[in-house]
Amino acid sequence: MLAADGNQIDYTFTVTNTGNVALSEVALSEVLFSGKGAEPTITCPAGSDTLQPGATVVCTATYRLVEADRGTAVTNTAAVTGRPPMGTAVKVASQADVPVPPKALAHTGGSITEPSQLYNWLGLISLIAAAYCFAFYRRLRRA
């Protein structure tokens, strides 16, 4: 999810053992990441490497956006693996695509941002120029 400040993406990974046996060696890892900055590090709570049937663990990661991410979508594919008591490890992957809007231009207070502001400034400059010309003309007539 794109954070409110628009500068990072906060990921939440919810892993649930939907099977009927405990899983050990449970691990969550990045498989594919399209962000242009440093790949986020997934953090899981201590003891989450074993999941009993029906148990859930929530892991998180934060990605700090870089300018090259603006106006694109950041794709993150993560996979979770776990080993049942007998048989081969199981693996499930999931993908999230987070659109990142272009960064809004900051208003500095001194810039002209709309055509109407430009026309107002041109009108003021024209008025000042006309007053100067009128004063100059009056000075010439007196001389």
C-alpha atoms as a PDB file:
ATOM      1  CA  MET A   1       0.000   0.000   0.000  1.00  0.00           C
ATOM      2  CA  LEU A   2       1.325   3.453  -0.898  1.00  0.00           C
ATOM      3  CA  ALA A   3       1.925   5.388   2.328  1.00  0.00           C
ATOM      4  CA  ALA A   4       0.002   8.606   2.955  1.00  0.00           C
ATOM      5  CA  ASP A   5       3.118  10.719   2.417  1.00  0.00           C
ATOM      6  CA  GLY A   6       3.592   9.132  -1.031  1.00  0.00           C
ATOM      7  CA  ASN A   7       7.251   8.342  -0.361  1.00  0.00           C
ATOM      8  CA  GLN A   8       7.142   4.662   0.520  1.00  0.00           C
ATOM      9  CA  ILE A   9       5.234   1.446  -0.024  1.00  0.00           C
ATOM     10  CA  ASP A  10       4.302  -0.563   3.070  1.00  0.00           C
ATOM     11  CA  TYR A  11       3.898  -4.273   2.389  1.00  0.00           C
ATOM     12  CA  THR A  12       2.042  -6.689   4.663  1.00  0.00           C
ATOM     13  CA  PHE A  13       2.432 -10.418   4.047  1.00  0.00           C
ATOM     14  CA  THR A  14      -0.089 -12.707   5.759  1.00  0.00           C
ATOM     15  CA  VAL A  15       0.972 -16.353   5.749  1.00  0.00           C
ATOM     16  CA  THR A  16      -1.556 -18.997   6.863  1.00  0.00           C
ATOM     17  CA  ASN A  17      -1.044 -22.733   7.103  1.00  0.00           C
ATOM     18  CA  THR A  18      -4.244 -24.000   5.485  1.00  0.00           C
ATOM     19  CA  GLY A  19      -3.106 -27.630   5.655  1.00  0.00           C
ATOM     20  CA  ASN A  20      -3.673 -30.260   8.342  1.00  0.00           C
ATOM     21  CA  VAL A  21      -0.023 -30.763   9.411  1.00  0.00           C
ATOM     22  CA  ALA A  22       2.559 -28.427  10.925  1.00  0.00           C
ATOM     23  CA  LEU A  23       5.058 -26.776   8.598  1.00  0.00           C
ATOM     24  CA  SER A  24       8.678 -26.178   9.575  1.00  0.00           C
ATOM     25  CA  GLU A  25      11.393 -24.125   7.908  1.00  0.00           C
ATOM     26  CA  VAL A  26       8.755 -21.566   6.928  1.00  0.00           C
ATOM     27  CA  ALA A  27      10.450 -18.714   5.083  1.00  0.00           C
ATOM     28  CA  LEU A  28       9.209 -15.725   3.117  1.00  0.00           C
ATOM     29  CA  SER A  29      11.424 -14.277   0.372  1.00  0.00           C
ATOM     30  CA  GLU A  30      11.390 -11.812  -2.500  1.00  0.00           C
ATOM     31  CA  VAL A  31      11.121 -13.503  -5.901  1.00  0.00           C
ATOM     32  CA  LEU A  32      10.699 -10.529  -8.225  1.00  0.00           C
ATOM     33  CA  PHE A  33      10.918  -6.822  -7.448  1.00  0.00           C
ATOM     34  CA  SER A  34      10.681  -4.034 -10.035  1.00  0.00           C
ATOM     35  CA  GLY A  35      11.457  -1.035  -7.834  1.00  0.00           C
ATOM     36  CA  LYS A  36      14.464   1.039  -8.908  1.00  0.00           C
ATOM     37  CA  GLY A  37      15.795   1.457  -5.356  1.00  0.00           C
ATOM     38  CA  ALA A  38      17.044  -0.983  -2.742  1.00  0.00           C
ATOM     39  CA  GLU A  39      14.893  -4.115  -2.452  1.00  0.00           C
ATOM     40  CA  PRO A  40      12.824  -4.146   0.764  1.00  0.00           C
ATOM     41  CA  THR A  41      13.781  -6.497   3.575  1.00  0.00           C
ATOM     42  CA  ILE A  42      10.967  -8.724   4.822  1.00  0.00           C
ATOM     43  CA  THR A  43      10.670  -8.856   8.603  1.00  0.00           C
ATOM     44  CA  CYS A  44       8.763 -11.654  10.346  1.00  0.00           C
ATOM     45  CA  PRO A  45       8.220 -12.109  14.090  1.00  0.00           C
ATOM     46  CA  ALA A  46      10.481 -14.460  16.026  1.00  0.00           C
ATOM     47  CA  GLY A  47       9.310 -18.075  16.004  1.00  0.00           C
ATOM     48  CA  SER A  48       7.447 -17.736  12.712  1.00  0.00           C
ATOM     49  CA  ASP A  49       9.554 -20.429  11.063  1.00  0.00           C
ATOM     50  CA  THR A  50       7.077 -23.071  12.262  1.00  0.00           C
ATOM     51  CA  LEU A  51       3.334 -22.893  11.557  1.00  0.00           C
ATOM     52  CA  GLN A  52       0.752 -25.210  13.073  1.00  0.00           C
ATOM     53  CA  PRO A  53      -2.396 -26.034  11.045  1.00  0.00           C
ATOM     54  CA  GLY A  54      -4.623 -22.943  10.884  1.00  0.00           C
ATOM     55  CA  ALA A  55      -1.899 -20.674  12.318  1.00  0.00           C
ATOM     56  CA  THR A  56      -1.162 -17.295  10.727  1.00  0.00           C
ATOM     57  CA  VAL A  57       1.905 -15.070  10.810  1.00  0.00           C
ATOM     58  CA  VAL A  58       2.093 -11.479   9.552  1.00  0.00           C
ATOM     59  CA  CYS A  59       5.355 -10.178   8.083  1.00  0.00           C
ATOM     60  CA  THR A  60       6.108  -6.666   6.837  1.00  0.00           C
ATOM     61  CA  ALA A  61       8.458  -4.779   4.549  1.00  0.00           C
ATOM     62  CA  THR A  62       8.898  -1.137   3.594  1.00  0.00           C
ATOM     63  CA  TYR A  63      10.196   0.143   0.283  1.00  0.00           C
ATOM     64  CA  ARG A  64      11.417   3.746   0.042  1.00  0.00           C
ATOM     65  CA  LEU A  65      10.512   5.114  -3.382  1.00  0.00           C
ATOM     66  CA  VAL A  66      13.146   6.705  -5.601  1.00  0.00           C
ATOM     67  CA  GLU A  67      12.479   9.298  -8.295  1.00  0.00           C
ATOM     68  CA  ALA A  68      12.771   6.664 -11.065  1.00  0.00           C
ATOM     69  CA  ASP A  69       9.716   4.856  -9.575  1.00  0.00           C
ATOM     70  CA  ARG A  70       7.439   7.892 -10.128  1.00  0.00           C
ATOM     71  CA  GLY A  71       4.790   7.410 -12.793  1.00  0.00           C
ATOM     72  CA  THR A  72       5.241   3.619 -12.867  1.00  0.00           C
ATOM     73  CA  ALA A  73       3.914   0.617 -10.966  1.00  0.00           C
ATOM     74  CA  VAL A  74       6.182  -1.193  -8.525  1.00  0.00           C
ATOM     75  CA  THR A  75       5.725  -4.955  -8.773  1.00  0.00           C
ATOM     76  CA  ASN A  76       6.647  -7.148  -5.836  1.00  0.00           C
ATOM     77  CA  THR A  77       6.386 -10.934  -5.948  1.00  0.00           C
ATOM     78  CA  ALA A  78       7.088 -12.820  -2.742  1.00  0.00           C
ATOM     79  CA  ALA A  79       7.066 -16.546  -2.072  1.00  0.00           C
ATOM     80  CA  VAL A  80       6.630 -18.537   1.103  1.00  0.00           C
ATOM     81  CA  THR A  81       8.040 -22.023   1.528  1.00  0.00           C
ATOM     82  CA  GLY A  82       7.475 -24.566   4.269  1.00  0.00           C
ATOM     83  CA  ARG A  83       8.370 -28.174   4.890  1.00  0.00           C
ATOM     84  CA  PRO A  84       5.756 -30.715   6.056  1.00  0.00           C
ATOM     85  CA  PRO A  85       6.839 -33.607   8.318  1.00  0.00           C
ATOM     86  CA  MET A  86       6.988 -35.912   5.283  1.00  0.00           C
ATOM     87  CA  GLY A  87       7.368 -35.125   1.596  1.00  0.00           C
ATOM     88  CA  THR A  88       8.771 -32.193  -0.290  1.00  0.00           C
ATOM     89  CA  ALA A  89       8.605 -28.533   0.642  1.00  0.00           C
ATOM     90  CA  VAL A  90       5.601 -26.518  -0.463  1.00  0.00           C
ATOM     91  CA  LYS A  91       5.919 -23.107  -2.078  1.00  0.00           C
ATOM     92  CA  VAL A  92       3.299 -20.444  -2.815  1.00  0.00           C
ATOM     93  CA  ALA A  93       3.938 -17.069  -4.468  1.00  0.00           C
ATOM     94  CA  SER A  94       1.862 -13.909  -4.579  1.00  0.00           C
ATOM     95  CA  GLN A  95       2.276 -10.636  -6.477  1.00  0.00           C
ATOM     96  CA  ALA A  96       1.311  -7.047  -5.720  1.00  0.00           C
ATOM     97  CA  ASP A  97       1.414  -4.160  -8.213  1.00  0.00           C
ATOM     98  CA  VAL A  98       1.371  -0.710  -6.611  1.00  0.00           C
ATOM     99  CA  PRO A  99       0.854   2.276  -8.942  1.00  0.00           C
ATOM    100  CA  VAL A 100       3.105   5.209  -8.043  1.00  0.00           C
ATOM    101  CA  PRO A 101       1.802   8.565  -9.281  1.00  0.00           C
ATOM    102  CA  PRO A 102       4.186  11.246 -10.507  1.00  0.00           C
ATOM    103  CA  LYS A 103       5.283  13.500  -7.682  1.00  0.00           C
ATOM    104  CA  ALA A 104       3.253  16.685  -7.480  1.00  0.00           C
ATOM    105  CA  LEU A 105       5.194  19.871  -8.024  1.00  0.00           C
ATOM    106  CA  ALA A 106       5.638  21.810  -4.810  1.00  0.00           C
ATOM    107  CA  HIS A 107       4.238  25.343  -4.850  1.00  0.00           C
ATOM    108  CA  THR A 108       6.952  27.760  -3.774  1.00  0.00           C
ATOM    109  CA  GLY A 109       4.701  30.781  -3.468  1.00  0.00           C
ATOM    110  CA  GLY A 110       6.675  32.889  -5.929  1.00  0.00           C
ATOM    111  CA  SER A 111       6.012  31.064  -9.159  1.00  0.00           C
ATOM    112  CA  ILE A 112       3.306  31.651 -11.716  1.00  0.00           C
ATOM    113  CA  THR A 113       1.298  28.440 -11.940  1.00  0.00           C
ATOM    114  CA  GLU A 114      -1.756  29.459 -13.960  1.00  0.00           C
ATOM    115  CA  PRO A 115      -2.208  31.571 -17.107  1.00  0.00           C
ATOM    116  CA  SER A 116      -4.551  33.925 -15.224  1.00  0.00           C
ATOM    117  CA  GLN A 117      -1.713  34.741 -12.814  1.00  0.00           C
ATOM    118  CA  LEU A 118       0.528  35.560 -15.768  1.00  0.00           C
ATOM    119  CA  TYR A 119      -2.120  37.912 -17.195  1.00  0.00           C
ATOM    120  CA  ASN A 120      -2.507  39.605 -13.805  1.00  0.00           C
ATOM    121  CA  TRP A 121       1.247  40.215 -13.617  1.00  0.00           C
ATOM    122  CA  LEU A 122       1.346  41.480 -17.208  1.00  0.00           C
ATOM    123  CA  GLY A 123      -1.535  43.814 -16.441  1.00  0.00           C
ATOM    124  CA  LEU A 124       0.249  45.193 -13.376  1.00  0.00           C
ATOM    125  CA  ILE A 125       3.487  45.675 -15.319  1.00  0.00           C
ATOM    126  CA  SER A 126       1.567  47.439 -18.118  1.00  0.00           C
ATOM    127  CA  LEU A 127      -0.102  49.743 -15.592  1.00  0.00           C
ATOM    128  CA  ILE A 128       3.242  50.659 -14.024  1.00  0.00           C
ATOM    129  CA  ALA A 129       4.768  51.269 -17.476  1.00  0.00           C
ATOM    130  CA  ALA A 130       1.809  53.470 -18.483  1.00  0.00           C
ATOM    131  CA  ALA A 131       2.137  55.532 -15.282  1.00  0.00           C
ATOM    132  CA  TYR A 132       5.856  55.991 -15.914  1.00  0.00           C
ATOM    133  CA  CYS A 133       5.236  57.076 -19.531  1.00  0.00           C
ATOM    134  CA  PHE A 134       2.541  59.527 -18.425  1.00  0.00           C
ATOM    135  CA  ALA A 135       4.858  61.055 -15.821  1.00  0.00           C
ATOM    136  CA  PHE A 136       7.671  61.296 -18.403  1.00  0.00           C
ATOM    137  CA  TYR A 137       5.316  62.913 -20.945  1.00  0.00           C
ATOM    138  CA  ARG A 138       4.165  65.533 -18.379  1.00  0.00           C
ATOM    139  CA  ARG A 139       7.764  66.316 -17.526  1.00  0.00           C
ATOM    140  CA  LEU A 140       8.539  66.876 -21.244  1.00  0.00           C
ATOM    141  CA  ARG A 141       5.548  69.218 -21.679  1.00  0.00           C
ATOM    142  CA  ARG A 142       6.667  71.408 -18.773  1.00  0.00           C
ATOM    143  CA  ALA A 143      10.164  71.781 -20.147  1.00  0.00           C
END
